[in-house]
C-alpha cells in the first residue's frame, strides 16, 4: 500500500476560495458561503478552511459567536468526500476549538443531525457530550432547481475547553 502524507494548513476561508468549494454543498450553499465570509469580516464568526499546500480548501467550517453567550458554536462542518476518514475533520474541529479559546471562550457547541451517527461518533471521540436536542432547517436546491426548506432534528453537543 502506498502512503501519501499531505501538509495541511488552517486559515480563514476567502472569497477567492469559493470556486473551489463546489464539493461542500449545492450552488446555493456555496453562494451563501460568501455571506458567511462577510460575517467573518465583521467579526461575528470565523469561517475556517483546511487547505492543501497549493491553497485549495479540502474542509470548511464555521464558528458562530452569536448563538450562545460564552460559547463558540461550530456549524457547516464539511470535508471533501474523497478525503473523509483521513483525520481532516479532526484537524478542522481541533483548530476551531483553538480559535474559540483564543477569543477567551471556554465552551464549544455544535448540533449534529440525529440521523448522522458517523459525525456524532467523531464528536464524541473528540470529547463532545450531548446536552439536548432542537430542530434545525436550511434552504437546499431541489432536483427541479427550486429552493425548498430542509428540516431536521439535531442533537446538541458541547465540550468544555478550559
Protein backbone atom coordinates (compact mmCIF):
# COMPACT_ATOMS: atom_id res chain seq x y z
CA UNK A 1 0.00 0.00 0.00
CA UNK A 2 1.28 3.46 -0.89
CA UNK A 3 1.08 6.11 1.79
CA UNK A 4 0.81 9.77 0.91
CA UNK A 5 1.38 12.46 3.51
CA UNK A 6 -0.01 15.90 2.87
CA UNK A 7 0.84 19.02 4.84
CA UNK A 8 -2.37 20.89 5.59
CA UNK A 9 -2.89 24.37 6.97
CA UNK A 10 -5.91 26.07 8.52
CA UNK A 11 -6.81 29.64 7.66
CA UNK A 12 -9.80 31.89 7.06
CA UNK A 13 -11.99 30.99 4.10
CA UNK A 14 -11.82 33.76 1.47
CA UNK A 15 -13.93 34.84 -1.47
CA UNK A 16 -11.14 33.55 -3.75
CA UNK A 17 -11.72 30.04 -2.32
CA UNK A 18 -15.38 29.83 -3.33
CA UNK A 19 -14.87 28.49 -6.88
CA UNK A 20 -13.01 25.53 -5.30
CA UNK A 21 -15.77 24.74 -2.77
CA UNK A 22 -18.35 23.07 -5.01
CA UNK A 23 -17.80 19.82 -3.10
CA UNK A 24 -19.08 21.49 0.11
CA UNK A 25 -22.71 21.68 -1.00
CA UNK A 26 -25.07 22.74 -3.72
CA UNK A 27 -24.69 26.01 -5.64
CA UNK A 28 -26.97 27.81 -3.17
CA UNK A 29 -24.76 26.73 -0.25
CA UNK A 30 -21.62 27.95 -2.00
CA UNK A 31 -23.30 31.31 -2.71
CA UNK A 32 -24.28 31.52 0.95
CA UNK A 33 -20.64 30.98 1.93
CA UNK A 34 -19.99 34.47 0.54
CA UNK A 35 -22.42 35.83 3.16
CA UNK A 36 -20.58 33.91 5.86
CA UNK A 37 -17.26 35.38 4.75
CA UNK A 38 -18.78 38.86 5.11
CA UNK A 39 -19.93 37.95 8.64
CA UNK A 40 -16.38 36.80 9.39
CA UNK A 41 -15.00 40.10 8.13
CA UNK A 42 -17.39 41.82 10.57
CA UNK A 43 -16.05 39.70 13.47
CA UNK A 44 -19.34 37.86 14.24
CA UNK A 45 -17.97 34.49 13.18
CA UNK A 46 -14.87 32.73 11.96
CA UNK A 47 -15.12 30.56 8.86
CA UNK A 48 -12.18 28.20 8.52
CA UNK A 49 -10.66 26.40 5.57
CA UNK A 50 -8.31 23.43 5.83
CA UNK A 51 -6.08 23.74 2.78
CA UNK A 52 -3.57 21.76 0.77
CA UNK A 53 -0.08 23.20 0.16
CA UNK A 54 -1.37 24.93 -3.01
CA UNK A 55 -4.16 26.59 -1.03
CA UNK A 56 -7.15 24.53 -2.13
CA UNK A 57 -9.76 24.04 0.61
CA UNK A 58 -10.45 20.38 1.44
CA UNK A 59 -12.53 21.09 4.56
CA UNK A 60 -14.53 24.08 5.77
CA UNK A 61 -16.50 25.04 8.83
CA UNK A 62 -17.84 27.97 10.74
CA UNK A 63 -17.70 29.14 14.33
CA UNK A 64 -20.58 31.42 15.32
CA UNK A 65 -20.02 33.53 18.44
CA UNK A 66 -23.56 34.96 18.50
CA UNK A 67 -25.60 31.80 19.23
CA UNK A 68 -24.96 31.36 22.97
CA UNK A 69 -23.06 33.68 25.31
CA UNK A 70 -19.67 32.30 26.34
CA UNK A 71 -19.54 29.68 23.58
CA UNK A 72 -18.41 29.26 20.02
CA UNK A 73 -20.92 27.23 18.01
CA UNK A 74 -19.45 25.08 15.26
CA UNK A 75 -21.61 24.65 12.16
CA UNK A 76 -21.47 23.78 8.48
CA UNK A 77 -18.52 21.45 9.04
CA UNK A 78 -17.60 19.57 5.90
CA UNK A 79 -14.71 17.58 4.46
CA UNK A 80 -14.22 16.85 0.76
CA UNK A 81 -15.96 13.48 0.20
CA UNK A 82 -12.85 11.87 -1.32
CA UNK A 83 -10.83 12.73 1.79
CA UNK A 84 -13.15 11.70 4.60
CA UNK A 85 -11.81 9.37 7.31
CA UNK A 86 -8.29 10.78 6.88
CA UNK A 87 -8.24 12.90 10.04
CA UNK A 88 -9.07 16.17 8.29
CA UNK A 89 -12.35 16.63 10.19
CA UNK A 90 -10.47 16.16 13.45
CA UNK A 91 -7.95 18.82 12.37
CA UNK A 92 -10.80 21.19 11.48
CA UNK A 93 -12.58 20.72 14.81
CA UNK A 94 -9.42 21.00 16.92
CA UNK A 95 -8.44 24.13 15.04
CA UNK A 96 -11.91 25.60 15.61
CA UNK A 97 -11.57 24.87 19.31
CA UNK A 98 -8.25 26.75 19.35
CA UNK A 99 -9.87 29.73 17.62
CA UNK A 100 -12.70 29.69 20.20
CA UNK A 101 -10.21 29.57 23.08
CA UNK A 102 -8.19 32.40 21.51
CA UNK A 103 -11.32 34.57 21.89
CA UNK A 104 -11.29 33.81 25.61
CA UNK A 105 -14.27 31.43 25.48
CA UNK A 106 -14.26 28.10 27.30
CA UNK A 107 -17.07 26.19 25.59
CA UNK A 108 -17.56 24.76 22.10
CA UNK A 109 -21.01 23.66 20.96
CA UNK A 110 -22.49 22.10 17.86
CA UNK A 111 -25.60 20.42 16.56
CA UNK A 112 -25.47 17.13 14.69
CA UNK A 113 -28.36 15.63 12.77
CA UNK A 114 -29.77 12.71 14.70
CA UNK A 115 -29.58 10.52 11.60
CA UNK A 116 -25.81 11.13 11.21
CA UNK A 117 -24.22 8.62 13.61
CA UNK A 118 -20.84 8.81 11.87
CA UNK A 119 -20.43 12.52 12.60
CA UNK A 120 -21.77 12.10 16.12
CA UNK A 121 -19.22 9.34 16.80
CA UNK A 122 -16.42 11.71 15.69
CA UNK A 123 -17.65 14.45 18.02
CA UNK A 124 -17.92 12.01 20.93
CA UNK A 125 -14.35 10.78 20.26
CA UNK A 126 -13.24 14.39 20.46
CA UNK A 127 -14.88 14.87 23.85
CA UNK A 128 -18.28 16.35 22.98
CA UNK A 129 -21.26 15.36 25.11
CA UNK A 130 -24.94 15.61 24.27
CA UNK A 131 -26.95 18.11 26.31
CA UNK A 132 -30.21 18.42 24.40
CA UNK A 133 -31.88 18.45 21.03
CA UNK A 134 -33.56 21.02 18.81
CA UNK A 135 -34.97 21.31 15.30
CA UNK A 136 -32.92 22.98 12.60
CA UNK A 137 -33.59 23.91 8.99
CA UNK A 138 -31.94 25.47 5.96
CA UNK A 139 -32.57 26.05 2.29
CA UNK A 140 -31.47 23.47 -0.31
CA UNK A 141 -31.80 23.24 -4.07
CA UNK A 142 -34.26 20.51 -5.13
CA UNK A 143 -33.70 18.31 -8.18
CA UNK A 144 -36.01 20.53 -10.25
CA UNK A 145 -33.89 23.60 -9.38
CA UNK A 146 -36.36 25.08 -6.93
CA UNK A 147 -35.33 26.06 -3.43
CA UNK A 148 -37.00 24.20 -0.59
CA UNK A 149 -36.61 24.20 3.18
CA UNK A 150 -34.88 21.13 4.63
CA UNK A 151 -35.93 20.36 8.21
CA UNK A 152 -34.21 18.02 10.65
CA UNK A 153 -33.73 17.28 14.34
CA UNK A 154 -30.27 17.80 15.82
CA UNK A 155 -28.60 16.55 18.97
CA UNK A 156 -26.88 19.43 20.73
CA UNK A 157 -23.36 18.67 21.93
CA UNK A 158 -20.78 20.63 23.88
CA UNK A 159 -17.22 20.45 25.07
CA UNK A 160 -15.53 22.33 27.90
CA UNK A 161 -12.33 23.88 26.56
CA UNK A 162 -10.96 25.07 29.92
